[in-house]
Amino acid sequence: MTDVAIQTTTHTISAPGATLAYDVRPNASSKEPTLLIFGSPMGTSGFGTLASHFEDRTVVTYDPRSAGRSGRTDGASATTPEEHADDLHRLIDALGTGPVEIFASSGGAVNALALVARHPEQVRVLVAHEPPAASVLPDRDAALAACEAIHATYLRSGFGPAMAQFIAIVSLQGPVPDGWADQPAPDPQLFGLPAADDGSRDDPLVGQNMPSCNAYEHDFDALRRASTRIVIGVGEESGETLAARAARVVAERLGTEPVTFPGGHDGFLGNEYGQPRKPTEFAAKLREVLSA
């Protein structure tokens, strides 16, 4: 289907255990590489504003496996960065435009790093913004235990209590204390979340992608050898949150300096979810980094 107003076309490709949906905003006259923008589990719905700032080139956004329109077809209860990386490999092949440039946010940044470790020839530049790579942190044991606890809460009590725990951990400034995972979950109603369990267990964040995303062990040797230029981004307002701390360690392991982006973890958002951040400033910084 086509949205004439913004010239967006929607496509699907098949992958083992999933059908992947992606949107193309074409610019046939541009000589710039295709820009692939994505997160995880956030899908295309969160990146419309950011994509609109790059009308001078073809932009592709997609719904990652188990999120949005990209439903799993195999009934699996977990989705891994390895699967996401294979999906991205297939997507870039399907585009047929040659090596792409990538902006990847949050869990998408973890997945993009996994892609580059395996297929660096497909990516000219990767801007990985705040990958929540708890596995690289000095406090990894406590951080990964917290991720396991959130997933366990979801399986036991449903979405609201698990998301309340998730909000608590992503808001935490500094290392995760030992024993954090053993604390009672906050009251979900304090965050405007439902306390009742609706019985579903297919949430892409606390159900499918956690804790596999956070526990993923990156192949830093392969990443350092890669032909891809890798830039790690950190939000100027993120402070010492888990994703920001992890991003700085990933940059250090790669032998690079992290680049500061406007806003926090979601600094690129426009009004997609009713809480606009700094999308214009963010897009300008991204353009600067891609052009460097």
Foldseek 3Di string as FASTA:
>chain_A
DADVVQGKDKDWDDDVQKIKIKIKRADVPAPAFEEEEEEPQDFPLFCPLLVVVPNNHMYMTIHFELHDPIDGNPPDFADALVRRLVVVVVVLVVVVRFAHAYEYAELRLLSVLVNCLPCLRNHAAYEYELHLQLQLDPLSVLVLLLLVLLLVCCVVQNDQQSVQSVVVQQLDADHRDPPPSVDHGDDSVVVVGDRHHPPDQSDRPSTHYTPNSNHDDGPLVSVLVRNHHYAYEFEPPSHRGSSRVVSQSSCVSSVHGHDYAYDHSSQLGDCSPDDHHPNVRRSVVVVVVVVD
